[in-house]
Structures are given as structure tokens and as C-alpha cells.
Amino acid sequence: LAQMDAKESGQMGLATVLYYLTTTVLATLLGIFLVMTIHPGDPSIKAGSLPDVPVDTDVSPLDTFLDLVRNMFPENIIQATFERVQTTYVAQRPRIAKNSSEEIIIMKKAISTTRGMNIL
């Protein structure tokens, strides 16, 4: 560029801008075409797939924060590419029952892995 005269430098700059605009327009058109054909986020398509997050989400903010820390330091780096650690609560009956008519259910914390990419 230093040895080129102003006319050649202007032509190269114009070619660069035209290349940039052409590739940007083509990428935009391709993106619009793919959105129109695939319909990402369509609820009718999404209803048939399995949810990534369990239905019962009665998890405290502390558990969520600790899950973030656990996901920062995975036990298995390969498994962390397609699964993430998540705290869930499992309903359990106590082994010792009192003499009463009501049933006692204890919610026990369980750390499990769920499908989904660990993005930390």
C-alpha cells in the first residue's frame, strides 16, 4: 500500500468494501432463509423434544450458585462438553414411621448431571 498511488489505493479500498458488503448481504440472506425453513424456537417443534431442565425447579439460589462453581471445575472434562451438574430434590419416605395417619415425605438434595452443554 505504501508504494501504490492514490488511484490504485482507492480501487483496492473500493474492492474491499464491495467484498465486505457482498459477503454480509449473502450471510444475511442465508440466515433469513434458514430461519424461515427451520423455524428455531417454534413451540410445536419444541414440545416433542425432551426438556433440558427438570420440571420441578424448587432449587434455592445458593444451590444454583454452587452448581455454577461445580460446573467451573468438572470432574470429567469430556463429560462436561455435553452434560452439566444440577442440584435436584428427590422425594423420599423415612424408614422410621410414626404412628400417625399422615404420610411424611422428606425432600433430599441430590446432585445429578443433566443433558446440556456446560458453557462455563
Protein backbone atom coordinates (compact mmCIF):
# COMPACT_ATOMS: atom_id res chain seq x y z
CA LEU A 1 0.00 0.00 0.00
CA ALA A 2 2.85 2.41 0.67
CA GLN A 3 4.17 2.13 -2.90
CA MET A 4 0.75 2.45 -4.57
CA ASP A 5 -0.52 5.70 -5.93
CA ALA A 6 -3.82 7.21 -4.76
CA LYS A 7 -5.88 5.79 -7.66
CA GLU A 8 -4.74 2.18 -7.14
CA SER A 9 -5.18 2.51 -3.38
CA GLY A 10 -8.71 3.82 -3.88
CA GLN A 11 -9.56 0.93 -6.22
CA MET A 12 -8.27 -1.58 -3.67
CA GLY A 13 -10.28 0.11 -0.92
CA LEU A 14 -13.41 0.06 -3.09
CA ALA A 15 -12.88 -3.65 -3.86
CA THR A 16 -12.50 -4.36 -0.14
CA VAL A 17 -15.70 -2.51 0.76
CA LEU A 18 -17.63 -4.25 -2.06
CA TYR A 19 -16.33 -7.66 -0.91
CA TYR A 20 -17.40 -6.90 2.67
CA LEU A 21 -20.87 -5.72 1.63
CA THR A 22 -21.39 -8.70 -0.70
CA THR A 23 -20.46 -11.28 1.94
CA THR A 24 -22.58 -9.51 4.57
CA VAL A 25 -25.65 -9.46 2.30
CA LEU A 26 -25.16 -13.14 1.39
CA ALA A 27 -24.81 -14.12 5.06
CA THR A 28 -27.93 -12.14 5.95
CA LEU A 29 -29.95 -13.75 3.15
CA LEU A 30 -28.73 -17.22 4.15
CA GLY A 31 -29.69 -16.54 7.79
CA ILE A 32 -33.18 -15.36 6.82
CA PHE A 33 -33.65 -18.40 4.57
CA LEU A 34 -32.58 -20.81 7.32
CA VAL A 35 -34.86 -19.16 9.89
CA MET A 36 -37.82 -19.39 7.51
CA THR A 37 -37.19 -23.10 6.78
CA ILE A 38 -36.06 -24.42 10.19
CA HIS A 39 -38.28 -22.26 12.48
CA PRO A 40 -35.99 -22.23 15.55
CA GLY A 41 -37.86 -21.77 18.82
CA ASP A 42 -41.18 -22.94 17.40
CA PRO A 43 -43.25 -24.23 20.37
CA SER A 44 -44.88 -27.01 18.34
CA ILE A 45 -41.48 -28.43 17.40
CA LYS A 46 -40.05 -27.88 20.85
CA ALA A 47 -42.94 -29.72 22.55
CA GLY A 48 -41.86 -33.03 21.00
CA SER A 49 -38.32 -32.88 22.35
CA LEU A 50 -37.17 -33.62 25.87
CA PRO A 51 -36.66 -30.59 28.12
CA ASP A 52 -33.12 -29.86 29.30
CA VAL A 53 -34.27 -28.67 32.72
CA PRO A 54 -36.38 -30.88 35.01
CA VAL A 55 -39.95 -29.83 35.73
CA ASP A 56 -39.56 -29.46 39.49
CA THR A 57 -37.29 -26.47 39.94
CA ASP A 58 -37.63 -25.76 43.66
CA VAL A 59 -33.92 -25.08 44.00
CA SER A 60 -32.59 -22.32 46.22
CA PRO A 61 -30.31 -19.56 44.89
CA LEU A 62 -27.47 -20.99 46.97
CA ASP A 63 -27.81 -24.35 45.20
CA THR A 64 -27.74 -22.57 41.84
CA PHE A 65 -24.58 -20.70 42.79
CA LEU A 66 -22.92 -23.90 43.99
CA ASP A 67 -23.91 -25.59 40.71
CA LEU A 68 -22.08 -22.81 38.87
CA VAL A 69 -18.96 -23.46 40.94
CA ARG A 70 -19.25 -27.22 40.32
CA ASN A 71 -19.59 -26.62 36.58
CA MET A 72 -16.47 -24.42 36.57
CA PHE A 73 -14.38 -27.34 37.79
CA PRO A 74 -15.81 -30.51 36.18
CA GLU A 75 -14.76 -33.96 37.30
CA ASN A 76 -14.56 -35.20 33.71
CA ILE A 77 -13.65 -32.67 31.01
CA ILE A 78 -15.12 -34.80 28.19
CA GLN A 79 -18.41 -35.29 30.03
CA ALA A 80 -18.58 -31.53 30.66
CA THR A 81 -18.89 -30.90 26.92
CA PHE A 82 -22.36 -32.45 26.78
CA GLU A 83 -23.63 -32.59 30.38
CA ARG A 84 -23.84 -30.17 33.29
CA VAL A 85 -24.16 -30.61 37.04
CA GLN A 86 -27.51 -29.66 38.55
CA THR A 87 -28.97 -29.87 42.05
CA THR A 88 -32.36 -31.55 42.30
CA TYR A 89 -34.57 -32.60 45.17
CA VAL A 90 -35.83 -36.18 45.39
CA ALA A 91 -38.86 -37.15 47.47
CA GLN A 92 -38.11 -39.92 49.98
CA ARG A 93 -40.10 -41.61 52.71
CA PRO A 94 -38.35 -42.00 56.05
CA ARG A 95 -37.56 -45.54 57.17
CA ILE A 96 -38.95 -44.98 60.64
CA ALA A 97 -42.65 -44.22 60.58
CA LYS A 98 -44.54 -42.68 63.44
CA ASN A 99 -48.00 -43.79 64.44
CA SER A 100 -49.92 -41.19 62.52
CA SER A 101 -52.38 -41.03 59.71
CA GLU A 102 -50.43 -38.56 57.60
CA GLU A 103 -47.61 -39.60 55.34
CA ILE A 104 -44.27 -37.89 55.82
CA ILE A 105 -42.18 -37.17 52.75
CA ILE A 106 -38.67 -35.78 53.03
CA MET A 107 -37.10 -33.87 50.15
CA LYS A 108 -33.46 -34.91 49.86
CA LYS A 109 -30.90 -32.97 47.87
CA ALA A 110 -29.26 -34.87 45.01
CA ILE A 111 -26.54 -33.70 42.66
CA SER A 112 -27.00 -35.14 39.20
CA THR A 113 -25.99 -34.47 35.62
CA THR A 114 -28.45 -33.27 33.01
CA ARG A 115 -28.23 -33.01 29.25
CA GLY A 116 -26.96 -29.70 28.02
CA MET A 117 -23.66 -28.07 27.30
CA ASN A 118 -21.57 -26.84 30.20
CA ILE A 119 -20.76 -23.36 28.91
CA LEU A 120 -18.57 -22.30 31.81
